[in-house]
């Protein structure tokens, strides 16, 4: 709590606002300073390598339908639930109207089907953490934003395990008291019959 101010410092500000996020490699919190993500440098070399890799995959690797009889047609759709790639005709054949499979959402064809993770509705990123304060799932970008800076945030797996234990205990309590409740209901029904007589 200094007595004066100097350019760039707000009056009465004890500590400047800082933003931190976990390092993807070592998971330690990294302090980004006042500017947040804007102070980081872009790795242009890595961006170019990734772009070239994407282009070569798009050109060279045609994914074929896994259900066509030879000669196979090129796949146009994928299905995460079926873990398969289809051409248009085979997709219609294996996902007929009026069946449960008709509800499957088509995705771009791929050779590796990852299970669909929960996505952040705001940033379209996969959720990786749980905010205990807000009681909602958050992605890495949500976690870095100022709205969650002072909140208690834990990884999804540890939050899942804690909530699962809590639900298991609650369920065990309910099941243990179920017999007692049934006995009380039977006694009350007997009392009602006796009263009616």
N, C-alpha and C. Protein backbone atom coordinates (compact mmCIF):
# COMPACT_ATOMS: atom_id res chain seq x y z
N UNK A 1 0.87 -1.18 0.00
CA UNK A 1 0.00 0.00 0.00
C UNK A 1 0.90 1.23 0.00
N UNK A 2 1.43 1.58 -1.16
CA UNK A 2 2.34 2.72 -1.29
C UNK A 2 1.64 4.03 -1.07
N UNK A 3 2.42 5.10 -0.81
CA UNK A 3 1.84 6.41 -0.55
C UNK A 3 1.58 7.18 -1.84
N UNK A 4 2.30 6.89 -2.88
CA UNK A 4 2.12 7.63 -4.13
C UNK A 4 1.78 6.69 -5.27
N UNK A 5 1.63 7.29 -6.41
CA UNK A 5 1.40 6.47 -7.61
C UNK A 5 2.43 6.86 -8.64
N UNK A 6 2.65 5.97 -9.58
CA UNK A 6 3.54 6.27 -10.69
C UNK A 6 2.86 5.80 -11.96
N UNK A 7 3.29 6.30 -13.10
CA UNK A 7 2.58 5.97 -14.35
C UNK A 7 2.47 4.45 -14.53
N UNK A 8 1.28 4.01 -14.94
CA UNK A 8 1.06 2.59 -15.19
C UNK A 8 0.52 1.85 -13.99
N UNK A 9 0.47 2.49 -12.82
CA UNK A 9 -0.04 1.81 -11.63
C UNK A 9 -1.33 2.48 -11.18
N UNK A 10 -2.35 1.67 -10.93
CA UNK A 10 -3.61 2.23 -10.46
C UNK A 10 -3.50 2.56 -8.98
N UNK A 11 -4.17 3.60 -8.57
CA UNK A 11 -4.16 4.00 -7.16
C UNK A 11 -4.83 2.91 -6.33
N UNK A 12 -4.14 2.50 -5.28
CA UNK A 12 -4.69 1.53 -4.35
C UNK A 12 -4.53 0.08 -4.79
N UNK A 13 -3.94 -0.18 -5.95
CA UNK A 13 -3.78 -1.56 -6.40
C UNK A 13 -2.59 -2.18 -5.68
N UNK A 14 -2.83 -3.23 -4.90
CA UNK A 14 -1.76 -3.87 -4.15
C UNK A 14 -0.98 -4.81 -5.04
N UNK A 15 -1.68 -5.72 -5.71
CA UNK A 15 -1.04 -6.67 -6.61
C UNK A 15 -1.71 -6.59 -7.98
N UNK A 16 -0.95 -6.56 -9.05
CA UNK A 16 -1.57 -6.55 -10.37
C UNK A 16 -2.28 -7.88 -10.63
N UNK A 17 -3.34 -7.85 -11.42
CA UNK A 17 -4.05 -9.08 -11.78
C UNK A 17 -3.13 -9.96 -12.63
N UNK A 18 -3.00 -11.23 -12.24
CA UNK A 18 -2.19 -12.16 -13.03
C UNK A 18 -3.05 -13.33 -13.44
N UNK A 19 -2.67 -13.96 -14.53
CA UNK A 19 -3.38 -15.11 -15.05
C UNK A 19 -2.41 -16.27 -15.09
N UNK A 20 -2.84 -17.44 -14.59
CA UNK A 20 -1.97 -18.61 -14.66
C UNK A 20 -2.74 -19.78 -15.25
N UNK A 21 -2.01 -20.69 -15.88
CA UNK A 21 -2.61 -21.89 -16.44
C UNK A 21 -1.60 -23.03 -16.34
N UNK A 22 -2.05 -24.30 -16.40
CA UNK A 22 -1.12 -25.42 -16.24
C UNK A 22 -0.31 -25.65 -17.52
N UNK A 23 0.97 -25.89 -17.34
CA UNK A 23 1.85 -26.22 -18.47
C UNK A 23 1.41 -27.58 -19.02
N UNK A 24 1.22 -27.73 -20.34
CA UNK A 24 0.78 -29.01 -20.90
C UNK A 24 1.78 -30.15 -20.65
N UNK A 25 3.06 -29.80 -20.50
CA UNK A 25 4.09 -30.84 -20.33
C UNK A 25 4.21 -31.28 -18.87
N UNK A 26 4.38 -30.32 -17.94
CA UNK A 26 4.67 -30.70 -16.54
C UNK A 26 3.50 -30.45 -15.59
N UNK A 27 2.41 -29.83 -16.05
CA UNK A 27 1.20 -29.56 -15.27
C UNK A 27 1.41 -28.56 -14.13
N UNK A 28 2.55 -27.86 -14.09
CA UNK A 28 2.72 -26.80 -13.08
C UNK A 28 2.05 -25.54 -13.58
N UNK A 29 1.53 -24.72 -12.64
CA UNK A 29 0.90 -23.46 -13.04
C UNK A 29 1.95 -22.47 -13.51
N UNK A 30 1.71 -21.86 -14.66
CA UNK A 30 2.62 -20.88 -15.26
C UNK A 30 1.94 -19.51 -15.17
N UNK A 31 2.65 -18.53 -14.63
CA UNK A 31 2.12 -17.17 -14.50
C UNK A 31 2.33 -16.43 -15.81
N UNK A 32 1.23 -15.94 -16.40
CA UNK A 32 1.32 -15.24 -17.68
C UNK A 32 1.44 -13.72 -17.53
N UNK A 33 1.31 -13.21 -16.32
CA UNK A 33 1.40 -11.76 -16.13
C UNK A 33 0.07 -11.09 -16.41
N UNK A 34 0.10 -9.77 -16.49
CA UNK A 34 -1.13 -8.99 -16.65
C UNK A 34 -1.77 -9.16 -18.02
N UNK A 35 -0.98 -9.35 -19.07
CA UNK A 35 -1.53 -9.41 -20.43
C UNK A 35 -2.11 -10.77 -20.77
N UNK A 36 -1.88 -11.78 -19.95
CA UNK A 36 -2.45 -13.10 -20.19
C UNK A 36 -1.88 -13.76 -21.42
N UNK A 37 -2.74 -14.40 -22.21
CA UNK A 37 -2.29 -15.12 -23.40
C UNK A 37 -1.71 -14.18 -24.46
N UNK A 38 -2.09 -12.91 -24.42
CA UNK A 38 -1.59 -11.96 -25.40
C UNK A 38 -0.09 -11.73 -25.31
N UNK A 39 0.52 -12.07 -24.16
CA UNK A 39 1.96 -11.84 -24.01
C UNK A 39 2.79 -13.00 -24.55
N UNK A 40 2.14 -14.12 -24.92
CA UNK A 40 2.89 -15.26 -25.45
C UNK A 40 3.23 -15.06 -26.92
N UNK A 41 4.37 -15.61 -27.35
CA UNK A 41 4.78 -15.54 -28.74
C UNK A 41 4.20 -16.73 -29.50
N UNK A 42 3.85 -16.53 -30.75
CA UNK A 42 3.38 -17.63 -31.60
C UNK A 42 4.57 -18.36 -32.16
N UNK A 43 4.50 -19.69 -32.21
CA UNK A 43 5.56 -20.51 -32.78
C UNK A 43 5.22 -20.71 -34.26
N UNK A 44 5.69 -19.77 -35.10
CA UNK A 44 5.34 -19.79 -36.52
C UNK A 44 5.91 -21.01 -37.23
N UNK A 45 7.11 -21.46 -36.83
CA UNK A 45 7.71 -22.64 -37.45
C UNK A 45 6.83 -23.86 -37.23
N UNK A 46 6.40 -24.05 -35.98
CA UNK A 46 5.54 -25.19 -35.67
C UNK A 46 4.20 -25.08 -36.39
N UNK A 47 3.65 -23.87 -36.50
CA UNK A 47 2.39 -23.68 -37.22
C UNK A 47 2.53 -24.10 -38.67
N UNK A 48 3.67 -23.76 -39.31
CA UNK A 48 3.90 -24.14 -40.71
C UNK A 48 4.01 -25.65 -40.86
N UNK A 49 4.73 -26.30 -39.92
CA UNK A 49 4.89 -27.76 -39.97
C UNK A 49 3.52 -28.44 -39.84
N UNK A 50 2.70 -27.97 -38.91
CA UNK A 50 1.37 -28.55 -38.72
C UNK A 50 0.52 -28.36 -39.96
N UNK A 51 0.58 -27.18 -40.57
CA UNK A 51 -0.21 -26.91 -41.78
C UNK A 51 0.21 -27.81 -42.93
N UNK A 52 1.56 -27.99 -43.12
CA UNK A 52 2.05 -28.89 -44.17
C UNK A 52 1.58 -30.32 -43.93
N UNK A 53 1.63 -30.75 -42.65
CA UNK A 53 1.21 -32.10 -42.31
C UNK A 53 -0.27 -32.30 -42.62
N UNK A 54 -1.09 -31.33 -42.29
CA UNK A 54 -2.52 -31.42 -42.59
C UNK A 54 -2.76 -31.52 -44.09
N UNK A 55 -2.02 -30.73 -44.88
CA UNK A 55 -2.20 -30.76 -46.33
C UNK A 55 -1.80 -32.11 -46.91
N UNK A 56 -0.69 -32.70 -46.42
CA UNK A 56 -0.26 -34.00 -46.95
C UNK A 56 -1.25 -35.09 -46.58
N UNK A 57 -1.83 -35.01 -45.40
CA UNK A 57 -2.83 -36.01 -45.00
C UNK A 57 -4.06 -35.90 -45.90
N UNK A 58 -4.50 -34.67 -46.17
CA UNK A 58 -5.68 -34.47 -47.01
C UNK A 58 -5.45 -34.96 -48.44
N UNK A 59 -4.21 -34.82 -48.94
CA UNK A 59 -3.92 -35.21 -50.32
C UNK A 59 -3.70 -36.71 -50.44
N UNK A 60 -2.83 -37.27 -49.57
CA UNK A 60 -2.37 -38.65 -49.77
C UNK A 60 -3.26 -39.72 -49.17
N UNK A 61 -3.92 -39.46 -48.07
CA UNK A 61 -4.62 -40.54 -47.37
C UNK A 61 -6.11 -40.49 -47.65
N UNK A 62 -6.53 -41.21 -48.66
CA UNK A 62 -7.96 -41.35 -48.92
C UNK A 62 -8.46 -42.49 -48.06
N UNK A 63 -9.50 -42.24 -47.30
CA UNK A 63 -10.06 -43.25 -46.42
C UNK A 63 -11.16 -43.97 -47.18
N UNK A 64 -11.05 -45.31 -47.20
CA UNK A 64 -11.99 -46.11 -47.97
C UNK A 64 -13.12 -46.61 -47.06
N UNK A 65 -14.28 -46.86 -47.65
CA UNK A 65 -15.43 -47.40 -46.93
C UNK A 65 -15.08 -48.80 -46.43
N UNK A 66 -15.44 -49.09 -45.20
CA UNK A 66 -15.09 -50.38 -44.59
C UNK A 66 -16.16 -51.44 -44.85
N UNK A 67 -17.24 -51.10 -45.56
CA UNK A 67 -18.34 -52.04 -45.76
C UNK A 67 -18.62 -52.36 -47.22
N UNK A 68 -18.03 -51.60 -48.14
CA UNK A 68 -18.24 -51.86 -49.56
C UNK A 68 -17.56 -53.16 -49.97
N UNK A 69 -18.19 -53.86 -50.91
CA UNK A 69 -17.53 -55.02 -51.51
C UNK A 69 -16.58 -54.48 -52.57
N UNK A 70 -15.47 -55.19 -52.86
CA UNK A 70 -14.50 -54.67 -53.85
C UNK A 70 -15.19 -54.42 -55.19
N UNK A 71 -14.88 -53.34 -55.85
CA UNK A 71 -13.95 -52.28 -55.47
C UNK A 71 -14.59 -51.33 -54.45
N UNK A 72 -13.81 -50.99 -53.42
CA UNK A 72 -14.30 -50.12 -52.37
C UNK A 72 -14.40 -48.69 -52.84
N UNK A 73 -15.44 -48.00 -52.36
CA UNK A 73 -15.60 -46.57 -52.63
C UNK A 73 -14.93 -45.76 -51.53
N UNK A 74 -14.65 -44.50 -51.84
CA UNK A 74 -14.04 -43.62 -50.83
C UNK A 74 -15.08 -43.26 -49.78
N UNK A 75 -14.67 -43.29 -48.51
CA UNK A 75 -15.58 -42.98 -47.41
C UNK A 75 -15.89 -41.48 -47.39
N UNK A 76 -17.16 -41.17 -47.12
CA UNK A 76 -17.58 -39.77 -47.04
C UNK A 76 -18.07 -39.41 -45.64
N UNK A 77 -18.40 -40.46 -44.85
CA UNK A 77 -18.92 -40.22 -43.49
C UNK A 77 -18.27 -41.20 -42.54
N UNK A 78 -18.22 -40.80 -41.27
CA UNK A 78 -17.75 -41.68 -40.22
C UNK A 78 -18.80 -41.72 -39.13
N UNK A 79 -18.72 -42.73 -38.27
CA UNK A 79 -19.64 -42.85 -37.16
C UNK A 79 -18.83 -43.21 -35.92
N UNK A 80 -18.86 -42.32 -34.92
CA UNK A 80 -18.07 -42.54 -33.70
C UNK A 80 -18.62 -43.71 -32.91
N UNK A 81 -19.96 -43.85 -32.87
CA UNK A 81 -20.57 -44.95 -32.13
C UNK A 81 -20.23 -46.30 -32.74
N UNK A 82 -20.27 -46.40 -34.09
CA UNK A 82 -19.96 -47.66 -34.79
C UNK A 82 -18.46 -47.85 -34.98
N UNK A 83 -17.68 -46.78 -34.78
CA UNK A 83 -16.22 -46.80 -35.00
C UNK A 83 -15.86 -47.28 -36.40
N UNK A 84 -16.57 -46.71 -37.40
CA UNK A 84 -16.37 -47.12 -38.79
C UNK A 84 -16.53 -45.94 -39.73
N UNK A 85 -15.94 -46.09 -40.93
CA UNK A 85 -16.10 -45.09 -41.99
C UNK A 85 -16.95 -45.70 -43.10
N UNK A 86 -17.84 -44.88 -43.69
CA UNK A 86 -18.81 -45.36 -44.66
C UNK A 86 -18.83 -44.48 -45.90
N UNK A 87 -19.21 -45.07 -47.04
CA UNK A 87 -19.59 -44.26 -48.19
C UNK A 87 -21.06 -43.89 -47.97
N UNK A 88 -21.63 -43.04 -48.84
CA UNK A 88 -23.01 -42.60 -48.63
C UNK A 88 -24.00 -43.76 -48.61
N UNK A 89 -23.87 -44.69 -49.58
CA UNK A 89 -24.81 -45.80 -49.68
C UNK A 89 -24.73 -46.73 -48.47
N UNK A 90 -23.51 -47.06 -48.05
CA UNK A 90 -23.35 -47.96 -46.89
C UNK A 90 -23.83 -47.29 -45.60
N UNK A 91 -23.63 -45.98 -45.49
CA UNK A 91 -24.11 -45.27 -44.30
C UNK A 91 -25.62 -45.38 -44.19
N UNK A 92 -26.32 -45.18 -45.33
CA UNK A 92 -27.78 -45.29 -45.33
C UNK A 92 -28.21 -46.73 -45.03
N UNK A 93 -27.46 -47.71 -45.54
CA UNK A 93 -27.78 -49.12 -45.35
C UNK A 93 -27.63 -49.54 -43.89
N UNK A 94 -26.57 -49.08 -43.23
CA UNK A 94 -26.30 -49.49 -41.85
C UNK A 94 -26.94 -48.58 -40.80
N UNK A 95 -27.54 -47.46 -41.24
CA UNK A 95 -28.23 -46.54 -40.33
C UNK A 95 -29.65 -46.27 -40.85
N UNK A 96 -30.48 -47.31 -40.96
CA UNK A 96 -31.82 -47.12 -41.55
C UNK A 96 -32.73 -46.29 -40.65
N UNK A 97 -33.68 -45.61 -41.30
CA UNK A 97 -34.65 -44.80 -40.57
C UNK A 97 -35.46 -45.67 -39.63
N UNK A 98 -35.81 -45.11 -38.48
CA UNK A 98 -36.66 -45.81 -37.54
C UNK A 98 -35.92 -46.76 -36.61
N UNK A 99 -34.60 -46.81 -36.70
CA UNK A 99 -33.82 -47.66 -35.80
C UNK A 99 -32.98 -46.79 -34.87
N UNK A 100 -32.38 -47.43 -33.88
CA UNK A 100 -31.54 -46.71 -32.92
C UNK A 100 -30.32 -46.11 -33.63
N UNK A 101 -29.78 -46.84 -34.62
CA UNK A 101 -28.58 -46.36 -35.33
C UNK A 101 -28.85 -45.11 -36.16
N UNK A 102 -30.11 -44.86 -36.50
CA UNK A 102 -30.45 -43.66 -37.27
C UNK A 102 -30.15 -42.39 -36.47
N UNK A 103 -30.06 -42.53 -35.13
CA UNK A 103 -29.78 -41.38 -34.27
C UNK A 103 -28.29 -41.05 -34.23
N UNK A 104 -27.42 -41.95 -34.76
CA UNK A 104 -25.98 -41.69 -34.74
C UNK A 104 -25.65 -40.47 -35.59
N UNK A 105 -24.77 -39.64 -35.05
CA UNK A 105 -24.40 -38.40 -35.75
C UNK A 105 -23.21 -38.65 -36.68
N UNK A 106 -23.36 -38.36 -37.97
CA UNK A 106 -22.23 -38.58 -38.89
C UNK A 106 -21.10 -37.59 -38.64
N UNK A 107 -19.87 -38.07 -38.78
CA UNK A 107 -18.67 -37.26 -38.60
C UNK A 107 -17.82 -37.40 -39.86
N UNK A 108 -16.77 -36.60 -40.01
CA UNK A 108 -15.87 -36.83 -41.14
C UNK A 108 -15.20 -38.20 -41.01
N UNK A 109 -14.90 -38.87 -42.13
CA UNK A 109 -14.27 -40.19 -42.05
C UNK A 109 -12.86 -40.10 -41.47
N UNK A 110 -12.48 -41.11 -40.71
CA UNK A 110 -11.16 -41.15 -40.10
C UNK A 110 -10.77 -42.60 -39.87
N UNK A 111 -9.48 -42.83 -39.63
CA UNK A 111 -9.01 -44.18 -39.34
C UNK A 111 -8.94 -44.44 -37.85
N UNK A 112 -8.87 -43.38 -37.05
CA UNK A 112 -8.79 -43.53 -35.60
C UNK A 112 -9.98 -42.82 -34.98
N UNK A 113 -10.87 -43.58 -34.37
CA UNK A 113 -12.05 -43.00 -33.73
C UNK A 113 -11.81 -42.87 -32.25
N UNK A 114 -11.69 -41.63 -31.79
CA UNK A 114 -11.57 -41.35 -30.36
C UNK A 114 -12.95 -41.24 -29.78
N UNK A 115 -13.12 -41.66 -28.52
CA UNK A 115 -14.44 -41.45 -27.90
C UNK A 115 -14.74 -39.96 -27.82
N UNK A 116 -15.97 -39.63 -28.06
CA UNK A 116 -16.38 -38.22 -28.08
C UNK A 116 -16.33 -37.66 -26.66
N UNK A 117 -15.53 -36.63 -26.44
CA UNK A 117 -15.44 -36.00 -25.13
C UNK A 117 -16.46 -34.89 -25.02
N UNK A 118 -16.70 -34.45 -23.81
CA UNK A 118 -17.60 -33.33 -23.60
C UNK A 118 -16.94 -32.05 -24.09
N UNK A 119 -17.68 -31.23 -24.77
CA UNK A 119 -17.13 -30.00 -25.34
C UNK A 119 -17.69 -28.79 -24.60
N UNK A 120 -16.82 -27.78 -24.47
CA UNK A 120 -17.23 -26.51 -23.87
C UNK A 120 -18.15 -25.80 -24.87
N UNK A 121 -19.37 -25.41 -24.46
CA UNK A 121 -20.27 -24.75 -25.41
C UNK A 121 -19.78 -23.38 -25.84
N UNK A 122 -18.97 -22.74 -25.01
CA UNK A 122 -18.49 -21.39 -25.30
C UNK A 122 -17.31 -21.38 -26.25
N UNK A 123 -16.31 -22.28 -26.02
CA UNK A 123 -15.07 -22.25 -26.79
C UNK A 123 -14.89 -23.43 -27.74
N UNK A 124 -15.81 -24.39 -27.74
CA UNK A 124 -15.74 -25.59 -28.59
C UNK A 124 -14.46 -26.37 -28.35
N UNK A 125 -13.95 -26.35 -27.11
CA UNK A 125 -12.77 -27.12 -26.70
C UNK A 125 -13.24 -28.25 -25.79
N UNK A 126 -12.44 -29.31 -25.68
CA UNK A 126 -12.79 -30.42 -24.80
C UNK A 126 -12.62 -29.98 -23.34
N UNK A 127 -13.60 -30.30 -22.50
CA UNK A 127 -13.52 -29.92 -21.09
C UNK A 127 -12.52 -30.81 -20.37
N UNK A 128 -11.68 -30.19 -19.53
CA UNK A 128 -10.63 -30.94 -18.83
C UNK A 128 -10.67 -30.72 -17.33
N UNK A 129 -11.42 -29.71 -16.88
CA UNK A 129 -11.44 -29.37 -15.45
C UNK A 129 -12.88 -29.16 -14.98
N UNK A 130 -13.04 -29.16 -13.65
CA UNK A 130 -14.34 -28.92 -13.03
C UNK A 130 -14.19 -27.78 -12.04
N UNK A 131 -15.02 -26.74 -12.19
CA UNK A 131 -15.01 -25.59 -11.29
C UNK A 131 -15.97 -25.90 -10.15
N UNK A 132 -15.42 -26.08 -8.94
CA UNK A 132 -16.25 -26.40 -7.77
C UNK A 132 -17.13 -25.21 -7.38
N UNK A 133 -16.63 -24.00 -7.59
CA UNK A 133 -17.38 -22.80 -7.21
C UNK A 133 -18.64 -22.66 -8.07
N UNK A 134 -18.49 -22.81 -9.40
CA UNK A 134 -19.62 -22.68 -10.32
C UNK A 134 -20.37 -24.00 -10.50
N UNK A 135 -19.77 -25.11 -10.07
CA UNK A 135 -20.30 -26.45 -10.25
C UNK A 135 -20.58 -26.73 -11.72
N UNK A 136 -19.55 -26.51 -12.56
CA UNK A 136 -19.68 -26.80 -13.99
C UNK A 136 -18.33 -27.20 -14.56
N UNK A 137 -18.37 -27.90 -15.69
CA UNK A 137 -17.15 -28.30 -16.38
C UNK A 137 -16.59 -27.12 -17.16
N UNK A 138 -15.26 -27.01 -17.19
CA UNK A 138 -14.61 -25.90 -17.91
C UNK A 138 -13.47 -26.44 -18.76
N UNK A 139 -13.17 -25.73 -19.86
CA UNK A 139 -12.05 -26.08 -20.72
C UNK A 139 -10.82 -25.27 -20.29
N UNK A 140 -9.71 -25.46 -20.99
CA UNK A 140 -8.48 -24.73 -20.65
C UNK A 140 -8.68 -23.22 -20.81
N UNK A 141 -9.39 -22.81 -21.88
CA UNK A 141 -9.60 -21.37 -22.09
C UNK A 141 -10.47 -20.76 -21.01
N UNK A 142 -11.51 -21.49 -20.57
CA UNK A 142 -12.36 -21.00 -19.47
C UNK A 142 -11.52 -20.83 -18.21
N UNK A 143 -10.62 -21.77 -17.98
CA UNK A 143 -9.81 -21.75 -16.76
C UNK A 143 -8.88 -20.53 -16.74
N UNK A 144 -8.38 -20.16 -17.90
CA UNK A 144 -7.44 -19.04 -18.00
C UNK A 144 -8.17 -17.70 -17.86
N UNK A 145 -9.44 -17.66 -18.26
CA UNK A 145 -10.20 -16.41 -18.21
C UNK A 145 -10.35 -15.92 -16.77
N UNK A 146 -10.56 -14.63 -16.63
CA UNK A 146 -10.63 -14.00 -15.31
C UNK A 146 -11.86 -14.42 -14.50
N UNK A 147 -12.89 -14.94 -15.15
CA UNK A 147 -14.10 -15.31 -14.41
C UNK A 147 -13.85 -16.45 -13.43
N UNK A 148 -12.82 -17.27 -13.65
CA UNK A 148 -12.55 -18.41 -12.78
C UNK A 148 -11.23 -18.27 -12.01
N UNK A 149 -10.62 -17.07 -11.97
CA UNK A 149 -9.30 -16.94 -11.35
C UNK A 149 -9.28 -17.29 -9.87
N UNK A 150 -10.29 -16.90 -9.13
CA UNK A 150 -10.27 -17.16 -7.68
C UNK A 150 -11.09 -18.40 -7.31
N UNK A 151 -11.55 -19.16 -8.30
CA UNK A 151 -12.38 -20.32 -8.03
C UNK A 151 -11.53 -21.57 -7.77
N UNK A 152 -12.15 -22.55 -7.10
CA UNK A 152 -11.48 -23.83 -6.87
C UNK A 152 -11.73 -24.72 -8.08
N UNK A 153 -10.65 -25.03 -8.80
CA UNK A 153 -10.75 -25.83 -10.01
C UNK A 153 -9.93 -27.09 -9.84
N UNK A 154 -10.53 -28.25 -10.20
CA UNK A 154 -9.83 -29.52 -10.11
C UNK A 154 -9.94 -30.25 -11.44
N UNK A 155 -9.04 -31.21 -11.71
CA UNK A 155 -9.18 -32.01 -12.93
C UNK A 155 -10.50 -32.79 -12.92
N UNK A 156 -11.03 -33.07 -14.09
CA UNK A 156 -12.31 -33.75 -14.23
C UNK A 156 -12.29 -35.11 -13.53
N UNK A 157 -11.19 -35.84 -13.67
CA UNK A 157 -11.13 -37.19 -13.10
C UNK A 157 -11.26 -37.18 -11.58
N UNK A 158 -10.56 -36.26 -10.90
CA UNK A 158 -10.65 -36.21 -9.44
C UNK A 158 -12.04 -35.73 -9.00
N UNK A 159 -12.63 -34.79 -9.73
CA UNK A 159 -14.00 -34.33 -9.40
C UNK A 159 -14.99 -35.47 -9.61
N UNK A 160 -14.79 -36.25 -10.67
CA UNK A 160 -15.66 -37.40 -10.95
C UNK A 160 -15.59 -38.42 -9.82
N UNK A 161 -14.35 -38.72 -9.38
CA UNK A 161 -14.19 -39.71 -8.32
C UNK A 161 -14.82 -39.24 -7.00
N UNK A 162 -14.64 -37.95 -6.68
CA UNK A 162 -15.23 -37.41 -5.45
C UNK A 162 -16.75 -37.45 -5.50
N UNK A 163 -17.33 -37.04 -6.62
CA UNK A 163 -18.79 -37.05 -6.76
C UNK A 163 -19.33 -38.48 -6.77
N UNK A 164 -18.58 -39.39 -7.38
CA UNK A 164 -19.00 -40.78 -7.42
C UNK A 164 -19.05 -41.39 -6.02
N UNK A 165 -18.01 -41.09 -5.20
CA UNK A 165 -17.99 -41.58 -3.82
C UNK A 165 -19.18 -41.02 -3.03
N UNK A 166 -19.46 -39.74 -3.22
CA UNK A 166 -20.58 -39.10 -2.52
C UNK A 166 -21.91 -39.75 -2.91
N UNK A 167 -22.10 -40.00 -4.23
CA UNK A 167 -23.33 -40.63 -4.69
C UNK A 167 -23.44 -42.07 -4.20
N UNK A 168 -22.31 -42.79 -4.17
CA UNK A 168 -22.32 -44.17 -3.68
C UNK A 168 -22.76 -44.22 -2.22
N UNK A 169 -22.23 -43.30 -1.40
CA UNK A 169 -22.62 -43.25 0.02
C UNK A 169 -24.10 -42.92 0.17
N UNK A 170 -24.58 -41.95 -0.62
CA UNK A 170 -26.00 -41.56 -0.55
C UNK A 170 -26.89 -42.73 -0.96
N UNK A 171 -26.49 -43.44 -2.02
CA UNK A 171 -27.27 -44.57 -2.50
C UNK A 171 -27.28 -45.70 -1.46
N UNK A 172 -26.14 -45.95 -0.83
CA UNK A 172 -26.06 -46.99 0.21
C UNK A 172 -26.98 -46.63 1.39
N UNK A 173 -27.01 -45.35 1.76
CA UNK A 173 -27.88 -44.91 2.86
C UNK A 173 -29.35 -45.11 2.49
N UNK A 174 -29.70 -44.73 1.26
CA UNK A 174 -31.10 -44.88 0.81
C UNK A 174 -31.49 -46.35 0.80
N UNK A 175 -30.63 -47.21 0.27
CA UNK A 175 -30.95 -48.64 0.21
C UNK A 175 -31.04 -49.26 1.60
N UNK A 176 -30.19 -48.81 2.53
CA UNK A 176 -30.23 -49.36 3.89
C UNK A 176 -31.50 -48.93 4.63
N UNK A 177 -31.99 -47.73 4.34
CA UNK A 177 -33.20 -47.26 5.02
C UNK A 177 -34.48 -47.66 4.28
N UNK A 178 -34.34 -48.31 3.13
CA UNK A 178 -35.51 -48.69 2.34
C UNK A 178 -36.40 -49.68 3.09
N UNK A 179 -35.79 -50.68 3.75
CA UNK A 179 -36.57 -51.67 4.51
C UNK A 179 -37.37 -51.01 5.63
N UNK A 180 -36.72 -50.07 6.33
CA UNK A 180 -37.38 -49.38 7.43
C UNK A 180 -38.58 -48.57 6.91
N UNK A 181 -38.41 -47.89 5.77
CA UNK A 181 -39.49 -47.09 5.18
C UNK A 181 -40.64 -48.01 4.76
N UNK A 182 -40.32 -49.16 4.14
CA UNK A 182 -41.37 -50.11 3.72
C UNK A 182 -42.15 -50.62 4.93
N UNK A 183 -41.46 -50.89 6.03
CA UNK A 183 -42.12 -51.34 7.26
C UNK A 183 -43.06 -50.27 7.78
N UNK A 184 -42.60 -49.02 7.78
CA UNK A 184 -43.44 -47.91 8.25
C UNK A 184 -44.67 -47.74 7.37
N UNK A 185 -44.50 -47.89 6.05
CA UNK A 185 -45.63 -47.77 5.12
C UNK A 185 -46.66 -48.87 5.42
N UNK A 186 -46.17 -50.09 5.64
CA UNK A 186 -47.08 -51.21 5.94
C UNK A 186 -47.84 -50.94 7.24
N UNK A 187 -47.15 -50.41 8.26
CA UNK A 187 -47.81 -50.09 9.53
C UNK A 187 -48.87 -49.01 9.35
N UNK A 188 -48.55 -47.98 8.55
CA UNK A 188 -49.52 -46.91 8.31
C UNK A 188 -50.75 -47.43 7.55
N UNK A 189 -50.53 -48.30 6.57
CA UNK A 189 -51.66 -48.88 5.83
C UNK A 189 -52.54 -49.71 6.78
N UNK A 190 -51.90 -50.44 7.67
CA UNK A 190 -52.63 -51.24 8.66
C UNK A 190 -53.44 -50.33 9.58
N UNK A 191 -52.86 -49.20 9.99
CA UNK A 191 -53.55 -48.23 10.85
C UNK A 191 -54.75 -47.63 10.11
N UNK A 192 -54.58 -47.32 8.81
CA UNK A 192 -55.68 -46.76 8.01
C UNK A 192 -56.83 -47.77 7.94
N UNK A 193 -56.52 -49.05 7.67
CA UNK A 193 -57.56 -50.09 7.61
C UNK A 193 -58.27 -50.20 8.96
N UNK A 194 -57.50 -50.20 10.04
CA UNK A 194 -58.08 -50.31 11.39
C UNK A 194 -59.00 -49.12 11.68
N UNK A 195 -58.55 -47.93 11.26
CA UNK A 195 -59.36 -46.71 11.46
C UNK A 195 -60.64 -46.79 10.66
N UNK A 196 -60.59 -47.26 9.43
CA UNK A 196 -61.76 -47.36 8.58
C UNK A 196 -62.77 -48.35 9.17
N UNK A 197 -62.26 -49.46 9.73
CA UNK A 197 -63.15 -50.45 10.36
C UNK A 197 -63.83 -49.82 11.56
